[in-house]
Amino acid sequence: MLKPGSTIGILGGGQLGRMLATAAAELGFRCHVYCPDGESPAFDVAAARTVAAYENQSALSAFAGSVDVVTYEFENVPAATADFLGEQVDVLPGPRALSVSQDRLSEKELMQSLGIPVAPFAAVEDLAGLEAALEALGRPSILKTRRFGYDGKGQVAIRAGDDAAAAFEAIAGKPAVLEGFVTFAREVSALVVRGRSGETAVYDIVENVHRNHILATSTVPAQLSEATADAARAIAAKVADALGYVGLLAVEMFVVEEADGERLIVNEIAPRVHNSGHWTQDGCLVSQFENHIRAIAGWPLGSTERHSDAVMTNLIGAEADDWAALAAEPGARLHLYGKSESRAGRKMGHVNRFLPRRR
């Protein structure tokens, strides 16, 4: 159990790192943020910073020597970086969670091994493989690169009449996964936190709406039966246990409505604090950020109980320019990320809106 005054190292300096560092400071920890981008917003709230490439082993060794544990704020940290640091200091969540989540094929194979439903899929290495996969899965299907895809990047839909070669070219011919199309009623996420000793807690299930492949809103409680919500919690805990996970894990799922009820299909996992959990900053006694810090520090997990109904709205690009009106809005709590430049498609902040809890 790390004592207050210990130093937590964070790989990545974006808004998630910023909010992790703020939560850590409230528990008496110092944070050292490591990021190649010298303009990273997390630097503004950290006790120390390192600006260096993730492949710079000299800088990484110095970083490891200055901290008591290392975590990360995004899943595209090179696995080699986590492995190198792990030889010198605890890296949590462990490198296995990082490597699995970085490869869509590995991720789906893990779900299959656990008996967790996923969309029909096939590995694609070349154009011939894509054509064979389309023959097996049909159209429409979604072609996704195995690595480095987020917010809609690295994926293309293939519908009836679409040219397979053009789709494969659109992802630059990279190793990919073809997914069969899932007709779903809504998207939800389960946020599970798991401690060093294996204890777990799951926040209330969140309903998500995306626009242009970027999360627009997260609403809690989600429109789900209690049985389906319980099933989503159980899936998230099962994945966390299988990975030997420590920290906050997000499991994103589709809800399929059928004549005899609802069915869950796992879409993907994120081994980090998650955009769909931002409502917990103001809607719970202990936020996802604080619980992640508690878990990696070996502290008891905090309560995940929700005290209000909530809607989190992402502020994308120029939407954050309306900060004065948002700050004056009753029942709303504004969070801005301190980014220097507003660009189309860039997450600049979020606002949490609350009503008394109904259920």
Protein backbone atom coordinates (compact mmCIF):
# COMPACT_ATOMS: atom_id res chain seq x y z
CA MET A 1 0.00 0.00 0.00
CA LEU A 2 1.58 3.26 -1.14
CA LYS A 3 1.67 5.98 1.46
CA PRO A 4 0.60 9.57 0.78
CA GLY A 5 3.62 11.43 -0.56
CA SER A 6 4.52 8.56 -2.90
CA THR A 7 4.93 9.37 -6.59
CA ILE A 8 2.73 7.92 -9.31
CA GLY A 9 4.11 7.87 -12.84
CA ILE A 10 1.66 8.42 -15.70
CA LEU A 11 2.45 7.54 -19.31
CA GLY A 12 0.60 9.99 -21.53
CA GLY A 13 -0.23 13.62 -20.95
CA GLY A 14 -3.76 14.09 -22.32
CA GLN A 15 -6.94 14.95 -20.48
CA LEU A 16 -7.21 11.52 -18.86
CA GLY A 17 -3.72 11.92 -17.44
CA ARG A 18 -4.67 15.38 -16.24
CA MET A 19 -7.73 14.08 -14.39
CA LEU A 20 -5.78 11.13 -12.95
CA ALA A 21 -3.12 13.50 -11.62
CA THR A 22 -5.77 15.74 -10.05
CA ALA A 23 -7.42 12.77 -8.34
CA ALA A 24 -4.05 11.51 -7.12
CA ALA A 25 -3.17 14.90 -5.65
CA GLU A 26 -6.39 14.87 -3.63
CA LEU A 27 -5.20 11.63 -1.99
CA GLY A 28 -1.82 13.16 -1.14
CA PHE A 29 0.19 11.64 -4.01
CA ARG A 30 2.61 13.35 -6.36
CA CYS A 31 2.48 12.62 -10.08
CA HIS A 32 5.25 12.48 -12.68
CA VAL A 33 3.87 12.61 -16.24
CA TYR A 34 5.90 11.17 -19.12
CA CYS A 35 4.86 12.24 -22.62
CA PRO A 36 6.61 13.11 -25.90
CA ASP A 37 4.38 16.17 -26.41
CA GLY A 38 5.70 19.20 -24.55
CA GLU A 39 2.29 20.90 -24.71
CA SER A 40 0.46 18.11 -22.88
CA PRO A 41 -2.38 19.40 -20.66
CA ALA A 42 -1.56 16.94 -17.85
CA PHE A 43 1.74 18.77 -17.26
CA ASP A 44 -0.22 21.70 -15.82
CA VAL A 45 -1.31 19.68 -12.78
CA ALA A 46 1.68 17.35 -12.28
CA ALA A 47 4.54 17.71 -9.81
CA ALA A 48 7.10 16.57 -12.40
CA ARG A 49 7.31 15.99 -16.13
CA THR A 50 9.47 14.19 -18.66
CA VAL A 51 9.27 15.13 -22.32
CA ALA A 52 10.82 12.24 -24.24
CA ALA A 53 9.96 9.53 -26.74
CA TYR A 54 8.42 6.29 -25.48
CA GLU A 55 11.40 4.47 -27.02
CA ASN A 56 14.02 6.51 -25.11
CA GLN A 57 15.33 3.92 -22.65
CA SER A 58 17.61 6.35 -20.85
CA ALA A 59 14.70 8.70 -20.13
CA LEU A 60 12.46 5.76 -19.22
CA SER A 61 14.99 4.43 -16.70
CA ALA A 62 15.27 7.84 -15.06
CA PHE A 63 11.47 8.05 -14.96
CA ALA A 64 11.18 4.58 -13.40
CA GLY A 65 13.69 5.54 -10.73
CA SER A 66 11.67 8.59 -9.73
CA VAL A 67 8.28 6.91 -9.18
CA ASP A 68 6.72 4.22 -7.00
CA VAL A 69 4.27 2.81 -9.57
CA VAL A 70 3.53 3.48 -13.25
CA THR A 71 0.14 3.64 -14.96
CA TYR A 72 -1.00 4.90 -18.35
CA GLU A 73 -3.81 7.06 -19.68
CA PHE A 74 -4.17 5.60 -23.18
CA GLU A 75 -3.88 2.13 -24.65
CA ASN A 76 -1.49 2.90 -27.49
CA VAL A 77 1.57 3.22 -25.26
CA PRO A 78 4.07 0.86 -26.94
CA ALA A 79 3.97 -2.54 -25.25
CA ALA A 80 7.78 -2.56 -25.32
CA THR A 81 7.77 0.59 -23.20
CA ALA A 82 5.56 -1.03 -20.57
CA ASP A 83 7.70 -4.18 -20.60
CA PHE A 84 10.92 -2.17 -20.18
CA LEU A 85 9.51 -0.15 -17.29
CA GLY A 86 8.03 -3.29 -15.73
CA GLU A 87 11.55 -4.64 -15.18
CA GLN A 88 12.23 -1.70 -12.85
CA VAL A 89 8.92 -0.70 -11.26
CA ASP A 90 5.32 -1.97 -11.04
CA VAL A 91 3.32 -1.09 -14.17
CA LEU A 92 -0.43 -1.24 -13.55
CA PRO A 93 -2.58 -2.29 -15.29
CA GLY A 94 -0.13 -5.01 -16.31
CA PRO A 95 1.44 -5.14 -19.77
CA ARG A 96 -0.78 -8.08 -20.78
CA ALA A 97 -3.89 -5.91 -20.64
CA LEU A 98 -2.10 -3.37 -22.80
CA SER A 99 -1.00 -5.88 -25.44
CA VAL A 100 -4.43 -7.56 -25.65
CA SER A 101 -6.32 -4.29 -26.01
CA GLN A 102 -3.91 -3.05 -28.69
CA ASP A 103 -4.84 -5.90 -31.03
CA ARG A 104 -8.49 -6.31 -31.98
CA LEU A 105 -7.93 -9.94 -32.94
CA SER A 106 -6.33 -10.81 -29.59
CA GLU A 107 -9.15 -8.97 -27.84
CA LYS A 108 -11.86 -10.96 -29.62
CA GLU A 109 -10.04 -14.23 -29.11
CA LEU A 110 -9.86 -13.51 -25.38
CA MET A 111 -13.61 -12.90 -25.28
CA GLN A 112 -14.24 -16.15 -27.13
CA SER A 113 -12.04 -18.07 -24.70
CA LEU A 114 -14.11 -16.67 -21.81
CA GLY A 115 -17.41 -17.55 -23.45
CA ILE A 116 -18.32 -13.87 -23.88
CA PRO A 117 -20.31 -13.07 -27.05
CA VAL A 118 -18.69 -10.91 -29.74
CA ALA A 119 -19.72 -10.05 -33.30
CA PRO A 120 -18.83 -12.68 -35.92
CA PHE A 121 -15.30 -11.95 -37.08
CA ALA A 122 -12.44 -13.13 -39.26
CA ALA A 123 -8.75 -12.21 -39.40
CA VAL A 124 -7.71 -10.45 -42.62
CA GLU A 125 -4.09 -10.36 -43.80
CA ASP A 126 -4.51 -9.56 -47.50
CA LEU A 127 -7.11 -8.85 -50.17
CA ALA A 128 -7.76 -12.52 -50.82
CA GLY A 129 -8.36 -13.00 -47.11
CA LEU A 130 -10.79 -10.07 -47.09
CA GLU A 131 -12.76 -11.49 -50.00
CA ALA A 132 -12.97 -14.87 -48.27
CA ALA A 133 -14.08 -13.22 -45.04
CA LEU A 134 -16.79 -11.25 -46.86
CA GLU A 135 -18.02 -14.48 -48.39
CA ALA A 136 -18.28 -16.02 -44.92
CA LEU A 137 -19.69 -13.06 -42.97
CA GLY A 138 -21.67 -11.28 -45.68
CA ARG A 139 -22.40 -7.60 -46.13
CA PRO A 140 -22.65 -5.15 -44.53
CA SER A 141 -19.48 -5.75 -42.54
CA ILE A 142 -16.92 -3.51 -40.86
CA LEU A 143 -13.22 -3.77 -41.74
CA LYS A 144 -11.00 -2.59 -38.86
CA THR A 145 -7.24 -2.44 -38.51
CA ARG A 146 -6.02 -4.75 -35.78
CA ARG A 147 -4.02 -1.95 -34.16
CA PHE A 148 -4.19 1.80 -33.47
CA GLY A 149 -7.84 2.46 -34.16
CA TYR A 150 -9.99 4.78 -32.04
CA ASP A 151 -12.80 7.34 -32.53
CA GLY A 152 -13.63 5.72 -35.87
CA LYS A 153 -10.08 5.77 -37.20
CA GLY A 154 -8.74 2.71 -39.01
CA GLN A 155 -12.11 1.29 -40.03
CA VAL A 156 -14.40 1.24 -43.04
CA ALA A 157 -17.86 -0.18 -43.69
CA ILE A 158 -18.29 -2.56 -46.63
CA ARG A 159 -21.83 -2.65 -47.96
CA ALA A 160 -23.50 -4.36 -50.88
CA GLY A 161 -21.83 -3.23 -54.08
CA ASP A 162 -18.75 -1.77 -52.35
CA ASP A 163 -15.37 -2.71 -53.78
CA ALA A 164 -13.34 -4.91 -51.41
CA ALA A 165 -10.04 -3.72 -52.87
CA ALA A 166 -10.95 -0.07 -52.24
CA ALA A 167 -11.88 -0.87 -48.64
CA PHE A 168 -8.59 -2.69 -48.09
CA GLU A 169 -6.72 0.27 -49.59
CA ALA A 170 -8.62 2.64 -47.28
CA ILE A 171 -6.94 0.99 -44.28
CA ALA A 172 -3.59 1.01 -46.10
CA GLY A 173 -3.55 -2.78 -46.43
CA LYS A 174 -2.78 -3.26 -42.74
CA PRO A 175 -3.54 -6.49 -40.84
CA ALA A 176 -7.20 -6.27 -39.99
CA VAL A 177 -10.32 -7.89 -38.61
CA LEU A 178 -13.60 -8.09 -40.52
CA GLU A 179 -16.62 -7.91 -38.22
CA GLY A 180 -20.12 -8.96 -39.15
CA PHE A 181 -22.65 -6.17 -38.79
CA VAL A 182 -24.60 -6.12 -35.52
CA THR A 183 -28.06 -4.54 -35.44
CA PHE A 184 -28.14 -3.12 -31.94
CA ALA A 185 -30.61 -1.03 -29.99
CA ARG A 186 -28.05 0.91 -27.97
CA GLU A 187 -24.42 1.02 -26.89
CA VAL A 188 -23.45 0.71 -23.23
CA SER A 189 -20.29 0.48 -21.19
CA ALA A 190 -19.43 -1.17 -17.91
CA LEU A 191 -16.69 0.44 -15.82
CA VAL A 192 -15.07 -2.03 -13.45
CA VAL A 193 -12.30 -1.27 -10.98
CA ARG A 194 -10.17 -4.12 -9.65
CA GLY A 195 -7.72 -3.85 -6.79
CA ARG A 196 -4.35 -5.48 -6.20
CA SER A 197 -5.90 -8.25 -4.11
CA GLY A 198 -8.57 -9.01 -6.72
CA GLU A 199 -11.53 -7.19 -5.20
CA THR A 200 -13.82 -5.61 -7.80
CA ALA A 201 -16.51 -2.95 -7.98
CA VAL A 202 -18.58 -1.88 -10.97
CA TYR A 203 -20.20 1.48 -11.62
CA ASP A 204 -23.78 1.68 -12.88
CA ILE A 205 -24.06 0.77 -16.55
CA VAL A 206 -23.80 3.75 -18.92
CA GLU A 207 -25.67 4.32 -22.18
CA ASN A 208 -23.56 5.97 -24.87
CA VAL A 209 -24.37 7.89 -28.06
CA HIS A 210 -21.70 8.50 -30.68
CA ARG A 211 -21.62 11.14 -33.42
CA ASN A 212 -19.07 10.95 -36.21
CA HIS A 213 -17.51 8.00 -34.34
CA ILE A 214 -16.79 10.21 -31.28
CA LEU A 215 -18.64 9.80 -27.99
CA ALA A 216 -21.24 12.57 -27.73
CA THR A 217 -23.16 11.70 -24.56
CA SER A 218 -23.12 9.17 -21.75
CA THR A 219 -26.32 8.74 -19.75
CA VAL A 220 -26.86 6.90 -16.49
CA PRO A 221 -28.95 4.94 -15.73
CA ALA A 222 -28.94 3.16 -19.08
CA GLN A 223 -32.19 1.89 -20.58
CA LEU A 224 -31.70 -1.72 -19.56
CA SER A 225 -33.49 -4.38 -17.60
CA GLU A 226 -31.89 -5.06 -14.23
CA ALA A 227 -31.00 -8.56 -15.41
CA THR A 228 -29.12 -7.18 -18.42
CA ALA A 229 -27.35 -4.62 -16.25
CA ASP A 230 -26.27 -7.40 -13.89
CA ALA A 231 -25.03 -9.42 -16.88
CA ALA A 232 -22.97 -6.44 -18.10
CA ARG A 233 -21.39 -6.06 -14.65
CA ALA A 234 -20.56 -9.77 -14.57
CA ILE A 235 -18.94 -9.62 -18.02
CA ALA A 236 -16.75 -6.68 -17.01
CA ALA A 237 -15.63 -8.39 -13.80
CA LYS A 238 -14.89 -11.62 -15.70
CA VAL A 239 -12.66 -9.81 -18.19
CA ALA A 240 -10.83 -7.96 -15.42
CA ASP A 241 -10.20 -11.21 -13.53
CA ALA A 242 -8.97 -12.99 -16.67
CA LEU A 243 -6.42 -10.24 -17.29
CA GLY A 244 -5.29 -10.09 -13.66
CA TYR A 245 -6.22 -6.45 -14.03
CA VAL A 246 -5.45 -3.68 -11.55
CA GLY A 247 -7.14 -0.33 -12.10
CA LEU A 248 -10.18 0.91 -14.02
CA LEU A 249 -11.25 -1.09 -17.09
CA ALA A 250 -13.99 -0.08 -19.54
CA VAL A 251 -15.88 -2.79 -21.44
CA GLU A 252 -18.00 -1.45 -24.30
CA MET A 253 -20.99 -3.51 -25.41
CA PHE A 254 -23.90 -3.57 -27.85
CA VAL A 255 -27.41 -4.27 -26.58
CA VAL A 256 -29.41 -6.36 -29.05
CA GLU A 257 -33.16 -6.51 -28.51
CA GLU A 258 -34.87 -9.79 -29.36
CA ALA A 259 -38.35 -11.22 -28.89
CA ASP A 260 -37.34 -12.96 -25.67
CA GLY A 261 -35.33 -10.10 -24.18
CA GLU A 262 -31.97 -8.31 -24.41
CA ARG A 263 -28.62 -9.76 -25.39
CA LEU A 264 -25.13 -8.27 -24.86
CA ILE A 265 -22.27 -8.39 -27.37
CA VAL A 266 -18.85 -7.05 -26.36
CA ASN A 267 -17.44 -4.55 -28.84
CA GLU A 268 -14.09 -3.65 -27.28
CA ILE A 269 -12.23 -3.01 -24.05
CA ALA A 270 -10.19 -0.02 -22.92
CA PRO A 271 -7.51 -0.64 -20.24
CA ARG A 272 -7.75 2.79 -18.66
CA VAL A 273 -10.11 5.38 -17.26
CA HIS A 274 -12.70 6.09 -19.91
CA ASN A 275 -14.62 8.94 -21.50
CA SER A 276 -17.94 7.25 -20.66
CA GLY A 277 -17.01 7.38 -16.97
CA HIS A 278 -16.55 11.15 -16.70
CA TRP A 279 -19.97 11.49 -15.07
CA THR A 280 -18.55 9.73 -12.00
CA GLN A 281 -16.53 12.86 -11.15
CA ASP A 282 -19.68 14.53 -9.91
CA GLY A 283 -22.25 11.72 -9.79
CA CYS A 284 -20.49 9.38 -7.34
CA LEU A 285 -18.78 9.70 -4.00
CA VAL A 286 -15.59 8.26 -5.57
CA SER A 287 -14.86 8.92 -9.25
CA GLN A 288 -13.36 6.48 -11.75
CA PHE A 289 -10.14 8.51 -11.55
CA GLU A 290 -9.81 8.25 -7.78
CA ASN A 291 -10.69 4.56 -7.84
CA HIS A 292 -8.03 3.89 -10.47
CA ILE A 293 -5.45 5.61 -8.25
CA ARG A 294 -6.69 3.73 -5.18
CA ALA A 295 -6.38 0.40 -7.03
CA ILE A 296 -2.84 0.88 -8.35
CA ALA A 297 -1.71 2.27 -4.99
CA GLY A 298 -3.05 -0.80 -3.14
CA TRP A 299 -5.65 1.20 -1.22
CA PRO A 300 -9.18 -0.02 -0.45
CA LEU A 301 -11.53 0.64 -3.35
CA GLY A 302 -13.99 3.48 -2.93
CA SER A 303 -17.76 3.36 -3.30
CA THR A 304 -19.09 3.19 -6.88
CA GLU A 305 -22.60 4.13 -5.78
CA ARG A 306 -24.35 6.77 -7.88
CA HIS A 307 -26.20 9.53 -6.02
CA SER A 308 -27.81 11.25 -9.06
CA ASP A 309 -29.00 10.60 -12.59
CA ALA A 310 -26.47 12.04 -14.99
CA VAL A 311 -25.77 12.99 -18.58
CA MET A 312 -22.19 13.66 -19.63
CA THR A 313 -21.79 15.68 -22.84
CA ASN A 314 -18.44 15.89 -24.59
CA LEU A 315 -17.38 19.35 -25.76
CA ILE A 316 -15.82 18.85 -29.18
CA GLY A 317 -13.86 21.58 -30.92
CA ALA A 318 -15.57 24.98 -30.80
CA GLU A 319 -18.34 23.68 -28.50
CA ALA A 320 -16.04 24.50 -25.59
CA ASP A 321 -16.05 28.17 -26.60
CA ASP A 322 -19.46 28.43 -24.92
CA TRP A 323 -17.79 27.89 -21.54
CA ALA A 324 -19.27 31.01 -19.90
CA ALA A 325 -22.87 29.94 -20.54
CA LEU A 326 -22.12 26.36 -19.50
CA ALA A 327 -20.49 27.57 -16.28
CA ALA A 328 -23.64 29.56 -15.47
CA GLU A 329 -26.07 26.71 -16.19
CA PRO A 330 -27.91 25.42 -13.09
CA GLY A 331 -27.44 21.71 -12.43
CA ALA A 332 -24.36 21.50 -14.63
CA ARG A 333 -20.67 21.01 -13.83
CA LEU A 334 -18.11 22.13 -16.42
CA HIS A 335 -14.71 20.45 -16.92
CA LEU A 336 -12.20 21.96 -19.35
CA TYR A 337 -8.95 20.28 -20.32
CA GLY A 338 -6.64 23.27 -20.73
CA LYS A 339 -5.77 22.49 -24.34
CA SER A 340 -4.20 25.40 -26.16
CA GLU A 341 -5.92 24.99 -29.51
CA SER A 342 -9.51 24.16 -30.40
CA ARG A 343 -9.75 21.92 -33.48
CA ALA A 344 -12.60 20.11 -35.19
CA GLY A 345 -12.99 16.65 -33.66
CA ARG A 346 -10.76 17.44 -30.66
CA LYS A 347 -12.10 16.78 -27.16
CA MET A 348 -11.79 20.08 -25.32
CA GLY A 349 -13.83 19.36 -22.21
CA HIS A 350 -17.11 17.94 -20.96
CA VAL A 351 -20.12 19.02 -18.96
CA ASN A 352 -21.97 16.85 -16.46
CA ARG A 353 -25.68 17.52 -15.91
CA PHE A 354 -27.63 16.04 -12.99
CA LEU A 355 -31.13 15.27 -11.80
CA PRO A 356 -32.27 13.54 -8.60
CA ARG A 357 -31.83 9.77 -8.80
CA ARG A 358 -34.99 7.93 -9.89
CA ARG A 359 -33.82 4.32 -9.64
